[in-house]
């Protein structure tokens, strides 16, 4: 068992998985995250379109929407807790067991939301139960992401961790696309039907996806690195303590690194959907179609970010991916504000490229900056803190800024701040890890020289990732 007071001898390299095993792991990570993100994202669409009316009835539609976005954030508040809980079990007992548990919890909570009576039926109990179920969703997805990334990257062939980490990342846009398409379908119903029962159908349909995800996930073996830790009894006693003691700086940098990929998404989808359908003249179905097209673009272009990060210097790759967002994000809002569906598609499609490409690469980067015995906890905490602080608040803060200022410019500035945070954090993370390698220190990343061993981002190229 690892300790922060000693430097245990490093483990031997785990056996290299076969190409077939690596592909199976990548596909398993992709399918599982797709299911989890579908469940999580349908709540965002529902919050923007209907939950305020069903669970927070008020004469002021904007106040109802703010309340619904508040419950949306509750799911994000619970995500670090899920990352800590399932990170602990994933680091101590295995990645696979944690991932099965997260999928089951997500399924139960999502179906529960679909069956939940409205405020008109059971009064104040309805929003209270909605908040509790949303919290369970947050706990589940908080534990899901880190485990899915590790399933892919710990099975990855040598030199391809960023590429295989992209498998897990691809589940986010695909799940988001399926969620958006499902709401696009039910918005074809009459307003009365949609408001009473139509919005519930995507939540109930998730039961089928959960069954598919469980079937695939249960057939996968534990990762080679985790198997080696379990067999050698070298798992950490309390991973979160190790992380907070020896890896605080890396957690904070990791938190900042993923900000653009997670927060800008919610500005572009959840907030923009509400803004376009209430402040502008877009219909629900029309703007859901705009978002759907942008998500198709994301599904296509996102993996190229991982490819780029393995072909050129990692610092240069990050700048090539994120700097264009400083121009394209403001342009997106300008084009949406024209009221033209065509220009809205163009604007949202262009603004999708930068943060989507960076998002695909960041999982593989984070999977290598923590030791294997605390890796699940470390990457989960980094990612989920960012989603809580930045992504979960993005629609709420955006709506607040718009309400207070009456101008979309304030929302644009918020989005640009997210991008700048990511640029600075990723470059600092690369510089920190590269500096340790150049000065001959052990290949590990921590705030203490006594932490356990892990891989490191090389100083001038990302090809070893």
Protein backbone atom coordinates (compact mmCIF):
# COMPACT_ATOMS: atom_id res chain seq x y z
CA UNK A 1 0.00 0.00 0.00
CA UNK A 2 1.39 3.36 -1.02
CA UNK A 3 2.28 6.04 1.46
CA UNK A 4 3.16 9.68 1.23
CA UNK A 5 6.04 9.17 3.71
CA UNK A 6 7.97 6.55 1.78
CA UNK A 7 8.98 5.97 -1.79
CA UNK A 8 8.01 2.40 -2.64
CA UNK A 9 9.82 0.63 -5.43
CA UNK A 10 8.01 1.19 -8.71
CA UNK A 11 5.92 -1.62 -10.09
CA UNK A 12 7.01 -3.48 -13.17
CA UNK A 13 5.39 -2.39 -16.40
CA UNK A 14 2.02 -4.13 -16.73
CA UNK A 15 1.56 -6.53 -19.65
CA UNK A 16 0.70 -4.78 -22.91
CA UNK A 17 -2.91 -5.48 -23.89
CA UNK A 18 -3.60 -6.89 -27.33
CA UNK A 19 -4.95 -4.50 -29.99
CA UNK A 20 -8.31 -6.27 -29.76
CA UNK A 21 -8.46 -5.73 -25.98
CA UNK A 22 -7.52 -2.08 -26.38
CA UNK A 23 -10.22 -1.51 -28.99
CA UNK A 24 -12.80 -3.28 -26.84
CA UNK A 25 -11.89 -1.08 -23.88
CA UNK A 26 -12.14 2.06 -26.00
CA UNK A 27 -15.56 1.06 -27.34
CA UNK A 28 -16.74 0.17 -23.82
CA UNK A 29 -15.66 3.59 -22.54
CA UNK A 30 -17.42 5.30 -25.44
CA UNK A 31 -20.72 3.44 -25.06
CA UNK A 32 -20.81 3.88 -21.28
CA UNK A 33 -20.10 7.59 -21.36
CA UNK A 34 -22.62 8.08 -24.16
CA UNK A 35 -25.35 6.57 -21.98
CA UNK A 36 -24.35 8.55 -18.91
CA UNK A 37 -24.07 11.84 -20.79
CA UNK A 38 -27.40 11.29 -22.54
CA UNK A 39 -29.07 11.00 -19.15
CA UNK A 40 -27.24 14.04 -17.82
CA UNK A 41 -27.80 16.24 -20.87
CA UNK A 42 -31.52 15.61 -21.26
CA UNK A 43 -31.93 17.40 -17.95
CA UNK A 44 -30.29 20.50 -19.44
CA UNK A 45 -32.71 20.56 -22.38
CA UNK A 46 -35.65 20.00 -20.05
CA UNK A 47 -34.46 22.77 -17.72
CA UNK A 48 -34.26 25.20 -20.61
CA UNK A 49 -37.66 24.28 -22.06
CA UNK A 50 -40.10 22.99 -19.47
CA UNK A 51 -38.95 22.21 -15.92
CA UNK A 52 -39.51 25.77 -14.71
CA UNK A 53 -43.19 25.56 -15.68
CA UNK A 54 -43.71 22.04 -14.31
CA UNK A 55 -41.88 22.31 -10.98
CA UNK A 56 -41.47 26.06 -10.36
CA UNK A 57 -44.66 27.72 -11.61
CA UNK A 58 -44.52 31.54 -11.50
CA UNK A 59 -45.95 34.50 -13.35
CA UNK A 60 -42.43 35.49 -14.42
CA UNK A 61 -41.08 32.97 -16.95
CA UNK A 62 -37.49 34.18 -16.50
CA UNK A 63 -37.64 33.49 -12.75
CA UNK A 64 -38.97 29.99 -13.41
CA UNK A 65 -36.13 29.37 -15.85
CA UNK A 66 -33.59 30.62 -13.31
CA UNK A 67 -35.01 28.21 -10.73
CA UNK A 68 -34.80 25.33 -13.21
CA UNK A 69 -31.20 26.26 -14.04
CA UNK A 70 -30.55 26.28 -10.29
CA UNK A 71 -31.60 22.61 -10.06
CA UNK A 72 -29.45 22.02 -13.15
CA UNK A 73 -26.47 23.27 -11.13
CA UNK A 74 -27.33 20.97 -8.22
CA UNK A 75 -26.25 18.05 -10.36
CA UNK A 76 -22.88 19.70 -10.81
CA UNK A 77 -22.52 20.41 -7.10
CA UNK A 78 -22.81 16.68 -6.48
CA UNK A 79 -20.25 15.70 -9.10
CA UNK A 80 -17.09 16.20 -7.01
CA UNK A 81 -18.70 14.04 -4.32
CA UNK A 82 -19.28 11.33 -6.90
CA UNK A 83 -15.70 11.70 -8.08
CA UNK A 84 -14.38 11.26 -4.54
CA UNK A 85 -16.66 8.33 -3.66
CA UNK A 86 -16.19 6.34 -6.84
CA UNK A 87 -12.60 7.49 -7.21
CA UNK A 88 -11.94 5.89 -3.82
CA UNK A 89 -13.58 2.60 -4.78
CA UNK A 90 -12.10 2.71 -8.27
CA UNK A 91 -8.57 3.23 -6.94
CA UNK A 92 -8.99 0.70 -4.13
CA UNK A 93 -11.14 -2.07 -5.61
CA UNK A 94 -11.10 -1.62 -9.37
CA UNK A 95 -12.25 0.62 -12.20
CA UNK A 96 -14.87 -1.80 -13.52
CA UNK A 97 -16.88 -2.16 -10.29
CA UNK A 98 -17.18 1.59 -9.88
CA UNK A 99 -18.33 2.05 -13.47
CA UNK A 100 -21.09 -0.55 -13.12
CA UNK A 101 -22.34 1.19 -9.96
CA UNK A 102 -22.37 4.64 -11.58
CA UNK A 103 -24.40 3.37 -14.52
CA UNK A 104 -27.03 1.82 -12.24
CA UNK A 105 -27.36 4.96 -10.10
CA UNK A 106 -27.70 7.13 -13.18
CA UNK A 107 -30.42 4.87 -14.57
CA UNK A 108 -32.49 4.88 -11.40
CA UNK A 109 -32.31 8.65 -10.93
CA UNK A 110 -33.07 9.49 -14.57
CA UNK A 111 -36.10 7.21 -14.76
CA UNK A 112 -37.22 8.65 -11.42
CA UNK A 113 -37.23 12.17 -12.89
CA UNK A 114 -39.32 10.94 -15.80
CA UNK A 115 -41.91 9.52 -13.38
CA UNK A 116 -41.90 12.45 -10.93
CA UNK A 117 -45.31 14.14 -10.38
CA UNK A 118 -45.51 17.88 -11.04
CA UNK A 119 -45.84 20.75 -8.57
CA UNK A 120 -49.53 20.96 -9.43
CA UNK A 121 -49.96 17.34 -8.30
CA UNK A 122 -47.93 17.03 -5.09
CA UNK A 123 -46.91 20.60 -4.31
CA UNK A 124 -43.55 21.46 -2.77
CA UNK A 125 -42.53 17.78 -2.61
CA UNK A 126 -42.11 17.83 -6.40
CA UNK A 127 -39.19 20.29 -6.64
CA UNK A 128 -37.59 18.76 -3.53
CA UNK A 129 -37.63 15.29 -5.08
CA UNK A 130 -36.42 16.75 -8.37
CA UNK A 131 -33.41 18.23 -6.62
CA UNK A 132 -32.62 14.93 -4.86
CA UNK A 133 -32.82 12.96 -8.09
CA UNK A 134 -30.69 15.53 -9.87
CA UNK A 135 -28.11 15.18 -7.11
CA UNK A 136 -28.02 11.43 -7.69
CA UNK A 137 -27.43 12.09 -11.38
CA UNK A 138 -24.52 14.31 -10.40
CA UNK A 139 -23.01 11.70 -8.11
CA UNK A 140 -23.24 9.09 -10.85
CA UNK A 141 -21.70 11.15 -13.64
CA UNK A 142 -19.09 12.46 -11.20
CA UNK A 143 -17.82 8.93 -10.73
CA UNK A 144 -18.30 7.90 -14.36
CA UNK A 145 -15.94 10.16 -16.26
CA UNK A 146 -12.69 9.29 -14.51
CA UNK A 147 -13.31 5.56 -14.64
CA UNK A 148 -14.26 5.64 -18.33
CA UNK A 149 -11.12 7.59 -19.20
CA UNK A 150 -8.96 5.09 -17.30
CA UNK A 151 -10.65 2.10 -18.90
CA UNK A 152 -9.59 3.53 -22.26
CA UNK A 153 -6.14 4.92 -21.40
CA UNK A 154 -4.93 2.07 -19.18
CA UNK A 155 -5.70 -0.36 -21.97
CA UNK A 156 -4.13 1.93 -24.60
CA UNK A 157 -1.07 0.78 -26.57
CA UNK A 158 2.19 2.56 -25.71
CA UNK A 159 2.27 6.12 -27.04
CA UNK A 160 -1.49 6.30 -27.68
CA UNK A 161 -3.04 7.36 -24.40
CA UNK A 162 -4.36 10.68 -25.73
CA UNK A 163 -5.90 8.94 -28.72
CA UNK A 164 -7.61 6.31 -26.58
CA UNK A 165 -8.70 8.87 -24.00
CA UNK A 166 -10.63 10.47 -26.86
CA UNK A 167 -12.90 7.39 -26.92
CA UNK A 168 -14.30 8.34 -23.52
CA UNK A 169 -14.54 12.00 -24.51
CA UNK A 170 -16.51 11.15 -27.62
CA UNK A 171 -19.38 9.93 -25.45
CA UNK A 172 -20.12 13.51 -24.40
CA UNK A 173 -21.08 15.00 -27.80
CA UNK A 174 -22.81 11.79 -28.90
CA UNK A 175 -24.82 11.66 -25.67
CA UNK A 176 -25.60 15.35 -26.04
CA UNK A 177 -26.67 14.83 -29.65
CA UNK A 178 -28.98 11.96 -28.71
CA UNK A 179 -30.43 14.03 -25.88
CA UNK A 180 -31.05 16.99 -28.18
CA UNK A 181 -32.58 14.81 -30.89
CA UNK A 182 -34.87 13.18 -28.35
CA UNK A 183 -36.16 16.59 -27.27
CA UNK A 184 -36.39 17.70 -30.88
CA UNK A 185 -38.71 14.74 -31.43
CA UNK A 186 -40.97 15.37 -28.45
CA UNK A 187 -41.25 19.10 -29.16
CA UNK A 188 -43.22 18.14 -32.27
CA UNK A 189 -46.09 17.40 -29.89
CA UNK A 190 -48.61 20.06 -28.99
CA UNK A 191 -47.63 22.46 -26.21
CA UNK A 192 -50.13 20.83 -23.87
CA UNK A 193 -48.90 17.30 -24.58
CA UNK A 194 -45.24 18.31 -24.34
CA UNK A 195 -45.76 20.11 -21.03
CA UNK A 196 -47.75 17.32 -19.40
CA UNK A 197 -46.06 14.09 -20.53
CA UNK A 198 -44.01 14.53 -23.70
CA UNK A 199 -40.93 15.90 -21.95
CA UNK A 200 -40.84 12.76 -19.79
CA UNK A 201 -40.28 10.35 -22.69
CA UNK A 202 -36.50 10.94 -23.09
CA UNK A 203 -36.00 10.28 -19.36
CA UNK A 204 -37.98 7.03 -19.50
CA UNK A 205 -36.31 5.92 -22.74
CA UNK A 206 -32.94 5.97 -20.98
CA UNK A 207 -33.85 2.63 -19.38
CA UNK A 208 -33.06 0.87 -22.67
CA UNK A 209 -29.72 2.63 -23.01
CA UNK A 210 -28.77 1.71 -19.44
CA UNK A 211 -29.38 -1.97 -20.18
CA UNK A 212 -27.15 -1.79 -23.27
CA UNK A 213 -24.42 -0.01 -21.31
CA UNK A 214 -24.50 -2.57 -18.50
CA UNK A 215 -24.32 -5.48 -20.94
CA UNK A 216 -21.19 -4.08 -22.57
CA UNK A 217 -19.54 -2.91 -19.37
CA UNK A 218 -19.97 -6.19 -17.48
CA UNK A 219 -18.10 -8.08 -20.20
CA UNK A 220 -14.91 -6.04 -19.85
CA UNK A 221 -11.99 -7.20 -17.70
CA UNK A 222 -10.24 -4.97 -15.17
CA UNK A 223 -7.44 -2.79 -16.61
CA UNK A 224 -3.87 -4.23 -16.56
CA UNK A 225 -2.48 -1.47 -14.32
CA UNK A 226 -5.29 -1.83 -11.78
CA UNK A 227 -4.99 -5.60 -11.82
CA UNK A 228 -1.29 -5.24 -11.05
CA UNK A 229 -2.00 -2.87 -8.15
CA UNK A 230 -4.60 -5.24 -6.69
CA UNK A 231 -2.39 -8.31 -7.01
CA UNK A 232 0.60 -6.54 -5.42
CA UNK A 233 -1.60 -4.99 -2.68
CA UNK A 234 -0.24 -1.54 -3.53
CA UNK A 235 -3.52 0.36 -3.59
CA UNK A 236 -3.71 3.60 -1.59
CA UNK A 237 -5.39 3.42 1.82
CA UNK A 238 -7.26 6.69 1.34
CA UNK A 239 -6.75 8.13 -2.17
CA UNK A 240 -8.35 11.50 -1.46
CA UNK A 241 -5.91 12.13 1.41
CA UNK A 242 -2.98 11.32 -0.85
CA UNK A 243 -4.33 13.65 -3.54
CA UNK A 244 -4.93 16.59 -1.19
CA UNK A 245 -1.53 16.15 0.46
CA UNK A 246 0.70 15.58 -2.56
CA UNK A 247 -1.12 16.67 -5.71
CA UNK A 248 -3.10 19.82 -4.92
CA UNK A 249 -1.50 22.01 -7.57
CA UNK A 250 -2.04 19.44 -10.31
CA UNK A 251 -5.71 19.12 -9.33
CA UNK A 252 -6.17 22.90 -9.62
CA UNK A 253 -4.38 23.06 -12.97
CA UNK A 254 -6.38 20.11 -14.23
CA UNK A 255 -9.55 21.85 -13.09
CA UNK A 256 -8.66 24.90 -15.14
CA UNK A 257 -7.49 22.86 -18.12
CA UNK A 258 -10.89 21.34 -18.82
CA UNK A 259 -12.89 24.55 -18.27
CA UNK A 260 -13.33 25.56 -21.92
CA UNK A 261 -14.35 22.07 -22.96
CA UNK A 262 -17.06 21.77 -20.31
CA UNK A 263 -18.29 25.33 -19.66
CA UNK A 264 -18.47 26.70 -23.20
CA UNK A 265 -20.61 23.69 -24.14
CA UNK A 266 -23.33 24.77 -21.72
CA UNK A 267 -23.15 28.39 -22.84
CA UNK A 268 -23.61 27.21 -26.44
CA UNK A 269 -26.39 24.72 -25.78
CA UNK A 270 -28.36 25.06 -22.54
CA UNK A 271 -28.15 28.84 -22.20
CA UNK A 272 -28.29 29.61 -25.92
CA UNK A 273 -31.39 27.40 -26.25
CA UNK A 274 -33.19 29.38 -23.56
CA UNK A 275 -31.99 32.75 -24.92
CA UNK A 276 -32.89 32.01 -28.53
CA UNK A 277 -36.37 30.71 -27.71
CA UNK A 278 -37.34 33.41 -25.22
CA UNK A 279 -35.43 36.58 -26.17
CA UNK A 280 -35.24 35.98 -29.93
CA UNK A 281 -37.74 34.63 -32.44
CA UNK A 282 -36.51 31.03 -32.70
CA UNK A 283 -38.97 28.22 -32.14
CA UNK A 284 -38.02 25.33 -29.85
CA UNK A 285 -37.73 22.84 -32.69
CA UNK A 286 -35.75 25.23 -34.90
CA UNK A 287 -33.06 25.97 -32.35
CA UNK A 288 -32.86 22.36 -31.20
CA UNK A 289 -32.12 21.59 -34.84
CA UNK A 290 -29.35 24.22 -34.81
CA UNK A 291 -27.82 22.62 -31.72
CA UNK A 292 -28.16 19.15 -33.24
CA UNK A 293 -26.22 20.17 -36.35
CA UNK A 294 -23.50 21.72 -34.20
CA UNK A 295 -23.27 18.50 -32.20
CA UNK A 296 -22.91 16.45 -35.38
CA UNK A 297 -20.02 18.76 -36.28
CA UNK A 298 -18.53 18.19 -32.82
CA UNK A 299 -18.78 14.42 -33.14
CA UNK A 300 -16.86 14.63 -36.42
CA UNK A 301 -14.15 17.17 -35.55
CA UNK A 302 -13.51 16.39 -31.88
CA UNK A 303 -11.20 13.37 -32.38
CA UNK A 304 -8.88 15.45 -34.54
CA UNK A 305 -7.85 17.34 -31.42
CA UNK A 306 -6.36 14.14 -29.99
CA UNK A 307 -4.63 13.48 -33.31
CA UNK A 308 -3.19 16.99 -33.40
CA UNK A 309 -1.93 16.68 -29.81
CA UNK A 310 0.08 13.59 -30.77
CA UNK A 311 1.54 15.07 -33.95
CA UNK A 312 2.91 18.46 -32.82
CA UNK A 313 4.35 20.01 -29.69
CA UNK A 314 1.63 19.89 -27.04
CA UNK A 315 1.88 23.60 -26.18
CA UNK A 316 1.51 24.55 -29.83
CA UNK A 317 -1.42 22.14 -30.22
CA UNK A 318 -3.27 23.74 -27.30
CA UNK A 319 -2.83 27.23 -28.72
CA UNK A 320 -3.87 26.13 -32.21
CA UNK A 321 -7.02 24.59 -30.76
CA UNK A 322 -8.14 27.27 -28.30
CA UNK A 323 -7.02 30.68 -29.59
CA UNK A 324 -9.54 30.69 -32.48
CA UNK A 325 -12.35 30.43 -29.89
CA UNK A 326 -11.60 34.01 -28.80
CA UNK A 327 -12.92 35.14 -32.18
CA UNK A 328 -15.43 32.43 -33.02
CA UNK A 329 -17.43 32.50 -29.78
CA UNK A 330 -18.37 36.21 -30.07
CA UNK A 331 -19.09 35.63 -33.76
CA UNK A 332 -21.50 32.84 -32.83
CA UNK A 333 -23.67 35.14 -30.71
CA UNK A 334 -23.62 37.82 -33.40
CA UNK A 335 -24.85 35.34 -36.00
CA UNK A 336 -27.52 33.85 -33.72
CA UNK A 337 -28.75 37.36 -32.98
CA UNK A 338 -29.53 37.83 -36.68
CA UNK A 339 -32.51 35.56 -36.15
CA UNK A 340 -31.51 33.54 -39.20
CA UNK A 341 -31.42 29.79 -38.74
CA UNK A 342 -28.75 29.46 -41.45
CA UNK A 343 -26.40 31.95 -39.80
CA UNK A 344 -27.09 30.48 -36.38
CA UNK A 345 -25.94 27.10 -37.71
CA UNK A 346 -22.82 28.67 -39.23
CA UNK A 347 -21.97 30.50 -36.02
CA UNK A 348 -22.51 27.59 -33.68
CA UNK A 349 -20.73 25.18 -36.02
CA UNK A 350 -17.61 27.35 -36.23
CA UNK A 351 -17.51 27.97 -32.48
CA UNK A 352 -17.64 24.21 -31.89
CA UNK A 353 -14.24 23.43 -33.41
CA UNK A 354 -11.82 24.90 -30.81
CA UNK A 355 -13.17 23.74 -27.46
CA UNK A 356 -14.29 20.36 -28.85
CA UNK A 357 -10.82 19.54 -30.18
CA UNK A 358 -9.16 20.53 -26.92
CA UNK A 359 -11.71 18.50 -24.96
CA UNK A 360 -10.71 15.33 -26.81
CA UNK A 361 -7.06 15.71 -25.83
CA UNK A 362 -7.37 16.75 -22.20
CA UNK A 363 -8.48 13.33 -20.91
CA UNK A 364 -5.30 11.63 -22.12
CA UNK A 365 -3.20 14.41 -20.62
CA UNK A 366 -4.83 14.22 -17.19
CA UNK A 367 -4.70 10.42 -17.12
CA UNK A 368 -0.89 10.59 -16.99
CA UNK A 369 -0.21 13.24 -14.40
CA UNK A 370 -1.35 11.20 -11.38
CA UNK A 371 0.12 7.96 -10.00
CA UNK A 372 -1.94 4.84 -10.82
CA UNK A 373 -2.90 4.19 -7.19
CA UNK A 374 -4.71 7.55 -6.92
CA UNK A 375 -5.35 8.22 -10.59
CA UNK A 376 -9.11 7.67 -10.59
CA UNK A 377 -9.56 10.07 -7.67
CA UNK A 378 -7.14 12.64 -9.08
CA UNK A 379 -8.56 13.01 -12.56
CA UNK A 380 -12.14 12.78 -11.28
CA UNK A 381 -11.61 15.56 -8.75
CA UNK A 382 -9.90 17.80 -11.33
CA UNK A 383 -12.66 17.37 -13.88
CA UNK A 384 -15.63 17.49 -11.53
CA UNK A 385 -14.44 20.56 -9.65
CA UNK A 386 -14.29 22.35 -12.98
CA UNK A 387 -17.78 21.23 -13.94
CA UNK A 388 -19.12 22.39 -10.56
CA UNK A 389 -17.41 25.76 -10.51
CA UNK A 390 -17.66 26.64 -14.19
CA UNK A 391 -19.87 24.35 -16.28
CA UNK A 392 -22.77 23.89 -13.89
CA UNK A 393 -23.01 27.61 -13.22
CA UNK A 394 -22.63 28.63 -16.87
CA UNK A 395 -26.36 28.71 -17.80
CA UNK A 396 -27.30 30.23 -14.44
CA UNK A 397 -24.63 32.94 -14.54
CA UNK A 398 -25.28 33.61 -18.22
CA UNK A 399 -28.99 34.06 -17.60
CA UNK A 400 -28.28 36.27 -14.59
CA UNK A 401 -25.91 38.47 -16.59
CA UNK A 402 -28.39 38.77 -19.42
CA UNK A 403 -31.21 39.62 -17.01
CA UNK A 404 -29.11 42.20 -15.15
CA UNK A 405 -27.44 43.89 -18.12
CA UNK A 406 -29.97 43.30 -20.87
CA UNK A 407 -27.03 42.67 -23.19
CA UNK A 408 -25.61 39.44 -24.60
CA UNK A 409 -22.14 41.06 -24.53
CA UNK A 410 -21.80 40.17 -20.84
CA UNK A 411 -22.38 36.50 -21.68
CA UNK A 412 -19.78 36.66 -24.45
CA UNK A 413 -17.22 38.03 -21.99
CA UNK A 414 -18.01 35.17 -19.60
CA UNK A 415 -17.44 32.62 -22.36
CA UNK A 416 -14.11 34.19 -23.32
CA UNK A 417 -13.02 34.04 -19.68
CA UNK A 418 -13.61 30.28 -19.70
CA UNK A 419 -11.38 29.92 -22.76
CA UNK A 420 -8.56 31.99 -21.25
CA UNK A 421 -8.65 29.95 -18.03
CA UNK A 422 -8.13 26.78 -20.04
CA UNK A 423 -5.28 28.19 -22.11
CA UNK A 424 -3.36 29.39 -19.05
CA UNK A 425 -4.02 26.19 -17.05
CA UNK A 426 -3.07 23.71 -19.77
CA UNK A 427 0.15 25.57 -20.57
CA UNK A 428 1.02 25.77 -16.85
CA UNK A 429 0.33 22.05 -16.44
CA UNK A 430 2.59 21.19 -19.37
CA UNK A 431 5.33 23.54 -18.14
CA UNK A 432 5.19 22.10 -14.63
CA UNK A 433 5.47 18.50 -15.71
CA UNK A 434 8.09 19.25 -18.36
CA UNK A 435 10.18 21.16 -15.87
CA UNK A 436 10.31 18.19 -13.52
CA UNK A 437 11.43 15.91 -16.34
CA UNK A 438 14.14 18.33 -17.54
CA UNK A 439 15.61 18.60 -14.05
CA UNK A 440 15.99 14.86 -13.71
CA UNK A 441 13.32 14.40 -11.08
CA UNK A 442 11.34 11.16 -10.92
CA UNK A 443 8.73 10.78 -13.63
CA UNK A 444 5.81 11.85 -11.49
CA UNK A 445 3.74 14.91 -10.85
CA UNK A 446 2.99 16.02 -7.30
CA UNK A 447 3.42 18.75 -4.74
CA UNK A 448 5.68 16.50 -2.73
CA UNK A 449 8.90 14.74 -3.65
CA UNK A 450 7.74 11.71 -1.68
CA UNK A 451 4.69 10.80 -3.72
CA UNK A 452 4.42 7.67 -5.78
CA UNK A 453 5.50 7.20 -9.36
CA UNK A 454 3.54 8.16 -12.48
CA UNK A 455 4.09 9.04 -16.10
CA UNK A 456 4.83 12.60 -17.15
CA UNK A 457 4.22 14.81 -20.16
CA UNK A 458 7.54 15.09 -21.99
CA UNK A 459 9.21 18.47 -22.35
CA UNK A 460 8.90 19.19 -26.05
CA UNK A 461 6.52 16.75 -27.66
CA UNK A 462 3.36 14.88 -26.89
CA UNK A 463 4.16 11.77 -28.89
CA UNK A 464 4.92 9.75 -25.77
CA UNK A 465 1.43 10.34 -24.50
